[in-house]
Amino acid sequence: INLQTKLFATFFILLIFILGCFLI
């Protein structure tokens, strides 16, 4: 997996986590 894909996946996972915390 190239670095750009890893960066995008990490960003997406963190974004989902932060949005979930904000909704709670």
PDB file of all heavy atoms in Angstrom:
ATOM      1  N   ILE A   1       0.864  -1.177   0.000  1.00  0.00           N
ATOM      2  CA  ILE A   1       0.000   0.000   0.000  1.00  0.00           C
ATOM      3  C   ILE A   1       0.900   1.226   0.000  1.00  0.00           C
ATOM      4  O   ILE A   1       1.821   1.329   0.814  1.00  0.00           O
ATOM      5  CB  ILE A   1      -0.916  -0.004   1.234  1.00  0.00           C
ATOM      6  CG1 ILE A   1      -1.779  -1.268   1.250  1.00  0.00           C
ATOM      7  CG2 ILE A   1      -1.790   1.230   1.252  1.00  0.00           C
ATOM      8  CD1 ILE A   1      -2.599  -1.427   2.501  1.00  0.00           C
ATOM      9  N   ASN A   2       0.633   2.146  -0.911  1.00  0.00           N
ATOM     10  CA  ASN A   2       1.504   3.320  -0.972  1.00  0.00           C
ATOM     11  C   ASN A   2       1.202   4.298   0.164  1.00  0.00           C
ATOM     12  O   ASN A   2       0.206   4.180   0.868  1.00  0.00           O
ATOM     13  CB  ASN A   2       1.406   4.004  -2.346  1.00  0.00           C
ATOM     14  CG  ASN A   2       0.029   4.541  -2.622  1.00  0.00           C
ATOM     15  OD1 ASN A   2      -0.826   4.554  -1.759  1.00  0.00           O
ATOM     16  ND2 ASN A   2      -0.192   4.996  -3.833  1.00  0.00           N
ATOM     17  N   LEU A   3       2.086   5.240   0.357  1.00  0.00           N
ATOM     18  CA  LEU A   3       2.012   6.161   1.478  1.00  0.00           C
ATOM     19  C   LEU A   3       0.759   7.036   1.418  1.00  0.00           C
ATOM     20  O   LEU A   3       0.143   7.318   2.442  1.00  0.00           O
ATOM     21  CB  LEU A   3       3.270   7.032   1.509  1.00  0.00           C
ATOM     22  CG  LEU A   3       3.415   7.973   2.690  1.00  0.00           C
ATOM     23  CD1 LEU A   3       3.442   7.192   3.990  1.00  0.00           C
ATOM     24  CD2 LEU A   3       4.680   8.795   2.548  1.00  0.00           C
ATOM     25  N   GLN A   4       0.361   7.445   0.220  1.00  0.00           N
ATOM     26  CA  GLN A   4      -0.825   8.293   0.083  1.00  0.00           C
ATOM     27  C   GLN A   4      -2.073   7.550   0.551  1.00  0.00           C
ATOM     28  O   GLN A   4      -2.924   8.122   1.239  1.00  0.00           O
ATOM     29  CB  GLN A   4      -0.981   8.725  -1.373  1.00  0.00           C
ATOM     30  CG  GLN A   4      -2.156   9.662  -1.588  1.00  0.00           C
ATOM     31  CD  GLN A   4      -2.269  10.112  -3.033  1.00  0.00           C
ATOM     32  OE1 GLN A   4      -1.511   9.653  -3.882  1.00  0.00           O
ATOM     33  NE2 GLN A   4      -3.208  10.980  -3.307  1.00  0.00           N
ATOM     34  N   THR A   5      -2.189   6.269   0.230  1.00  0.00           N
ATOM     35  CA  THR A   5      -3.341   5.479   0.657  1.00  0.00           C
ATOM     36  C   THR A   5      -3.341   5.307   2.170  1.00  0.00           C
ATOM     37  O   THR A   5      -4.389   5.404   2.811  1.00  0.00           O
ATOM     38  CB  THR A   5      -3.320   4.106  -0.043  1.00  0.00           C
ATOM     39  OG1 THR A   5      -3.258   4.314  -1.455  1.00  0.00           O
ATOM     40  CG2 THR A   5      -4.553   3.302   0.291  1.00  0.00           C
ATOM     41  N   LYS A   6      -2.176   5.042   2.750  1.00  0.00           N
ATOM     42  CA  LYS A   6      -2.086   4.921   4.207  1.00  0.00           C
ATOM     43  C   LYS A   6      -2.483   6.223   4.882  1.00  0.00           C
ATOM     44  O   LYS A   6      -3.205   6.215   5.890  1.00  0.00           O
ATOM     45  CB  LYS A   6      -0.668   4.546   4.619  1.00  0.00           C
ATOM     46  CG  LYS A   6      -0.292   3.127   4.298  1.00  0.00           C
ATOM     47  CD  LYS A   6       1.130   2.856   4.749  1.00  0.00           C
ATOM     48  CE  LYS A   6       1.576   1.468   4.360  1.00  0.00           C
ATOM     49  NZ  LYS A   6       2.968   1.204   4.760  1.00  0.00           N
ATOM     50  N   LEU A   7      -2.017   7.346   4.356  1.00  0.00           N
ATOM     51  CA  LEU A   7      -2.346   8.650   4.922  1.00  0.00           C
ATOM     52  C   LEU A   7      -3.844   8.917   4.840  1.00  0.00           C
ATOM     53  O   LEU A   7      -4.468   9.360   5.807  1.00  0.00           O
ATOM     54  CB  LEU A   7      -1.573   9.753   4.203  1.00  0.00           C
ATOM     55  CG  LEU A   7      -1.775  11.173   4.707  1.00  0.00           C
ATOM     56  CD1 LEU A   7      -1.211  11.306   6.114  1.00  0.00           C
ATOM     57  CD2 LEU A   7      -1.112  12.171   3.790  1.00  0.00           C
ATOM     58  N   PHE A   8      -4.442   8.625   3.701  1.00  0.00           N
ATOM     59  CA  PHE A   8      -5.879   8.834   3.521  1.00  0.00           C
ATOM     60  C   PHE A   8      -6.677   7.941   4.468  1.00  0.00           C
ATOM     61  O   PHE A   8      -7.634   8.398   5.096  1.00  0.00           O
ATOM     62  CB  PHE A   8      -6.281   8.561   2.066  1.00  0.00           C
ATOM     63  CG  PHE A   8      -7.748   8.717   1.819  1.00  0.00           C
ATOM     64  CD1 PHE A   8      -8.316   9.972   1.748  1.00  0.00           C
ATOM     65  CD2 PHE A   8      -8.561   7.612   1.675  1.00  0.00           C
ATOM     66  CE1 PHE A   8      -9.675  10.128   1.531  1.00  0.00           C
ATOM     67  CE2 PHE A   8      -9.920   7.752   1.461  1.00  0.00           C
ATOM     68  CZ  PHE A   8     -10.479   9.015   1.393  1.00  0.00           C
ATOM     69  N   ALA A   9      -6.284   6.683   4.600  1.00  0.00           N
ATOM     70  CA  ALA A   9      -6.998   5.757   5.483  1.00  0.00           C
ATOM     71  C   ALA A   9      -6.887   6.210   6.934  1.00  0.00           C
ATOM     72  O   ALA A   9      -7.878   6.202   7.677  1.00  0.00           O
ATOM     73  CB  ALA A   9      -6.451   4.349   5.316  1.00  0.00           C
ATOM     74  N   THR A  10      -5.709   6.627   7.353  1.00  0.00           N
ATOM     75  CA  THR A  10      -5.516   7.105   8.722  1.00  0.00           C
ATOM     76  C   THR A  10      -6.336   8.365   8.972  1.00  0.00           C
ATOM     77  O   THR A  10      -6.998   8.490  10.009  1.00  0.00           O
ATOM     78  CB  THR A  10      -4.025   7.390   8.979  1.00  0.00           C
ATOM     79  OG1 THR A  10      -3.277   6.214   8.708  1.00  0.00           O
ATOM     80  CG2 THR A  10      -3.792   7.829  10.407  1.00  0.00           C
ATOM     81  N   PHE A  11      -6.324   9.289   8.026  1.00  0.00           N
ATOM     82  CA  PHE A  11      -7.104  10.515   8.154  1.00  0.00           C
ATOM     83  C   PHE A  11      -8.591  10.207   8.253  1.00  0.00           C
ATOM     84  O   PHE A  11      -9.306  10.766   9.084  1.00  0.00           O
ATOM     85  CB  PHE A  11      -6.833  11.435   6.954  1.00  0.00           C
ATOM     86  CG  PHE A  11      -7.678  12.665   6.939  1.00  0.00           C
ATOM     87  CD1 PHE A  11      -7.403  13.730   7.777  1.00  0.00           C
ATOM     88  CD2 PHE A  11      -8.765  12.754   6.086  1.00  0.00           C
ATOM     89  CE1 PHE A  11      -8.191  14.873   7.767  1.00  0.00           C
ATOM     90  CE2 PHE A  11      -9.561  13.887   6.065  1.00  0.00           C
ATOM     91  CZ  PHE A  11      -9.272  14.946   6.912  1.00  0.00           C
ATOM     92  N   PHE A  12      -9.074   9.294   7.434  1.00  0.00           N
ATOM     93  CA  PHE A  12     -10.494   8.943   7.412  1.00  0.00           C
ATOM     94  C   PHE A  12     -10.913   8.299   8.733  1.00  0.00           C
ATOM     95  O   PHE A  12     -11.957   8.633   9.295  1.00  0.00           O
ATOM     96  CB  PHE A  12     -10.777   8.009   6.234  1.00  0.00           C
ATOM     97  CG  PHE A  12     -12.225   7.731   6.020  1.00  0.00           C
ATOM     98  CD1 PHE A  12     -13.064   8.699   5.517  1.00  0.00           C
ATOM     99  CD2 PHE A  12     -12.754   6.485   6.338  1.00  0.00           C
ATOM    100  CE1 PHE A  12     -14.410   8.447   5.326  1.00  0.00           C
ATOM    101  CE2 PHE A  12     -14.089   6.222   6.147  1.00  0.00           C
ATOM    102  CZ  PHE A  12     -14.924   7.203   5.641  1.00  0.00           C
ATOM    103  N   ILE A  13     -10.084   7.400   9.254  1.00  0.00           N
ATOM    104  CA  ILE A  13     -10.399   6.741  10.525  1.00  0.00           C
ATOM    105  C   ILE A  13     -10.426   7.767  11.661  1.00  0.00           C
ATOM    106  O   ILE A  13     -11.343   7.770  12.495  1.00  0.00           O
ATOM    107  CB  ILE A  13      -9.392   5.613  10.804  1.00  0.00           C
ATOM    108  CG1 ILE A  13      -9.623   4.471   9.819  1.00  0.00           C
ATOM    109  CG2 ILE A  13      -9.497   5.123  12.241  1.00  0.00           C
ATOM    110  CD1 ILE A  13      -8.537   3.420   9.825  1.00  0.00           C
ATOM    111  N   LEU A  14      -9.443   8.659  11.693  1.00  0.00           N
ATOM    112  CA  LEU A  14      -9.425   9.695  12.731  1.00  0.00           C
ATOM    113  C   LEU A  14     -10.609  10.655  12.594  1.00  0.00           C
ATOM    114  O   LEU A  14     -11.186  11.083  13.591  1.00  0.00           O
ATOM    115  CB  LEU A  14      -8.114  10.471  12.677  1.00  0.00           C
ATOM    116  CG  LEU A  14      -6.888   9.722  13.185  1.00  0.00           C
ATOM    117  CD1 LEU A  14      -5.629  10.549  12.932  1.00  0.00           C
ATOM    118  CD2 LEU A  14      -7.020   9.404  14.655  1.00  0.00           C
ATOM    119  N   LEU A  15     -10.986  10.972  11.370  1.00  0.00           N
ATOM    120  CA  LEU A  15     -12.131  11.852  11.143  1.00  0.00           C
ATOM    121  C   LEU A  15     -13.414  11.214  11.660  1.00  0.00           C
ATOM    122  O   LEU A  15     -14.209  11.871  12.344  1.00  0.00           O
ATOM    123  CB  LEU A  15     -12.257  12.167   9.648  1.00  0.00           C
ATOM    124  CG  LEU A  15     -13.410  13.078   9.248  1.00  0.00           C
ATOM    125  CD1 LEU A  15     -13.190  14.476   9.812  1.00  0.00           C
ATOM    126  CD2 LEU A  15     -13.546  13.120   7.742  1.00  0.00           C
ATOM    127  N   ILE A  16     -13.617   9.940  11.379  1.00  0.00           N
ATOM    128  CA  ILE A  16     -14.805   9.235  11.862  1.00  0.00           C
ATOM    129  C   ILE A  16     -14.815   9.204  13.388  1.00  0.00           C
ATOM    130  O   ILE A  16     -15.848   9.427  14.026  1.00  0.00           O
ATOM    131  CB  ILE A  16     -14.861   7.806  11.272  1.00  0.00           C
ATOM    132  CG1 ILE A  16     -15.035   7.859   9.756  1.00  0.00           C
ATOM    133  CG2 ILE A  16     -15.954   6.980  11.921  1.00  0.00           C
ATOM    134  CD1 ILE A  16     -16.312   8.512   9.299  1.00  0.00           C
ATOM    135  N   PHE A  17     -13.657   8.938  13.999  1.00  0.00           N
ATOM    136  CA  PHE A  17     -13.556   8.895  15.460  1.00  0.00           C
ATOM    137  C   PHE A  17     -13.892  10.253  16.072  1.00  0.00           C
ATOM    138  O   PHE A  17     -14.675  10.349  17.027  1.00  0.00           O
ATOM    139  CB  PHE A  17     -12.144   8.458  15.869  1.00  0.00           C
ATOM    140  CG  PHE A  17     -11.927   8.460  17.344  1.00  0.00           C
ATOM    141  CD1 PHE A  17     -12.478   7.488  18.144  1.00  0.00           C
ATOM    142  CD2 PHE A  17     -11.158   9.456  17.932  1.00  0.00           C
ATOM    143  CE1 PHE A  17     -12.281   7.499  19.515  1.00  0.00           C
ATOM    144  CE2 PHE A  17     -10.954   9.476  19.291  1.00  0.00           C
ATOM    145  CZ  PHE A  17     -11.525   8.493  20.090  1.00  0.00           C
ATOM    146  N   ILE A  18     -13.336  11.330  15.523  1.00  0.00           N
ATOM    147  CA  ILE A  18     -13.568  12.670  16.062  1.00  0.00           C
ATOM    148  C   ILE A  18     -15.026  13.086  15.873  1.00  0.00           C
ATOM    149  O   ILE A  18     -15.641  13.662  16.774  1.00  0.00           O
ATOM    150  CB  ILE A  18     -12.600  13.678  15.426  1.00  0.00           C
ATOM    151  CG1 ILE A  18     -11.178  13.384  15.914  1.00  0.00           C
ATOM    152  CG2 ILE A  18     -12.998  15.110  15.727  1.00  0.00           C
ATOM    153  CD1 ILE A  18     -10.099  14.160  15.205  1.00  0.00           C
ATOM    154  N   LEU A  19     -15.612  12.764  14.720  1.00  0.00           N
ATOM    155  CA  LEU A  19     -17.028  13.093  14.507  1.00  0.00           C
ATOM    156  C   LEU A  19     -17.928  12.316  15.460  1.00  0.00           C
ATOM    157  O   LEU A  19     -18.925  12.847  15.956  1.00  0.00           O
ATOM    158  CB  LEU A  19     -17.425  12.818  13.058  1.00  0.00           C
ATOM    159  CG  LEU A  19     -16.924  13.833  12.036  1.00  0.00           C
ATOM    160  CD1 LEU A  19     -17.292  13.390  10.628  1.00  0.00           C
ATOM    161  CD2 LEU A  19     -17.477  15.213  12.319  1.00  0.00           C
ATOM    162  N   GLY A  20     -17.589  11.054  15.714  1.00  0.00           N
ATOM    163  CA  GLY A  20     -18.361  10.256  16.666  1.00  0.00           C
ATOM    164  C   GLY A  20     -18.297  10.845  18.064  1.00  0.00           C
ATOM    165  O   GLY A  20     -19.318  10.951  18.753  1.00  0.00           O
ATOM    166  N   CYS A  21     -17.101  11.240  18.496  1.00  0.00           N
ATOM    167  CA  CYS A  21     -16.949  11.874  19.811  1.00  0.00           C
ATOM    168  C   CYS A  21     -17.733  13.177  19.880  1.00  0.00           C
ATOM    169  O   CYS A  21     -18.378  13.480  20.891  1.00  0.00           O
ATOM    170  CB  CYS A  21     -15.478  12.131  20.108  1.00  0.00           C
ATOM    171  SG  CYS A  21     -14.525  10.638  20.398  1.00  0.00           S
ATOM    172  N   PHE A  22     -17.704  13.949  18.809  1.00  0.00           N
ATOM    173  CA  PHE A  22     -18.442  15.213  18.784  1.00  0.00           C
ATOM    174  C   PHE A  22     -19.946  14.972  18.870  1.00  0.00           C
ATOM    175  O   PHE A  22     -20.659  15.679  19.594  1.00  0.00           O
ATOM    176  CB  PHE A  22     -18.101  15.988  17.508  1.00  0.00           C
ATOM    177  CG  PHE A  22     -18.832  17.290  17.392  1.00  0.00           C
ATOM    178  CD1 PHE A  22     -18.493  18.370  18.190  1.00  0.00           C
ATOM    179  CD2 PHE A  22     -19.860  17.435  16.481  1.00  0.00           C
ATOM    180  CE1 PHE A  22     -19.168  19.570  18.102  1.00  0.00           C
ATOM    181  CE2 PHE A  22     -20.541  18.630  16.370  1.00  0.00           C
ATOM    182  CZ  PHE A  22     -20.199  19.698  17.182  1.00  0.00           C
ATOM    183  N   LEU A  23     -20.447  13.961  18.166  1.00  0.00           N
ATOM    184  CA  LEU A  23     -21.880  13.663  18.218  1.00  0.00           C
ATOM    185  C   LEU A  23     -22.302  13.216  19.616  1.00  0.00           C
ATOM    186  O   LEU A  23     -23.366  13.603  20.103  1.00  0.00           O
ATOM    187  CB  LEU A  23     -22.239  12.593  17.191  1.00  0.00           C
ATOM    188  CG  LEU A  23     -22.247  13.067  15.739  1.00  0.00           C
ATOM    189  CD1 LEU A  23     -22.480  11.894  14.805  1.00  0.00           C
ATOM    190  CD2 LEU A  23     -23.301  14.136  15.541  1.00  0.00           C
ATOM    191  N   ILE A  24     -21.469  12.421  20.269  1.00  0.00           N
ATOM    192  CA  ILE A  24     -21.768  12.003  21.646  1.00  0.00           C
ATOM    193  C   ILE A  24     -21.779  13.215  22.569  1.00  0.00           C
ATOM    194  O   ILE A  24     -22.676  13.377  23.400  1.00  0.00           O
ATOM    195  CB  ILE A  24     -20.757  10.940  22.111  1.00  0.00           C
ATOM    196  CG1 ILE A  24     -20.972   9.649  21.332  1.00  0.00           C
ATOM    197  CG2 ILE A  24     -20.869  10.700  23.608  1.00  0.00           C
ATOM    198  CD1 ILE A  24     -19.884   8.620  21.528  1.00  0.00           C
TER     199      ILE A  24
END
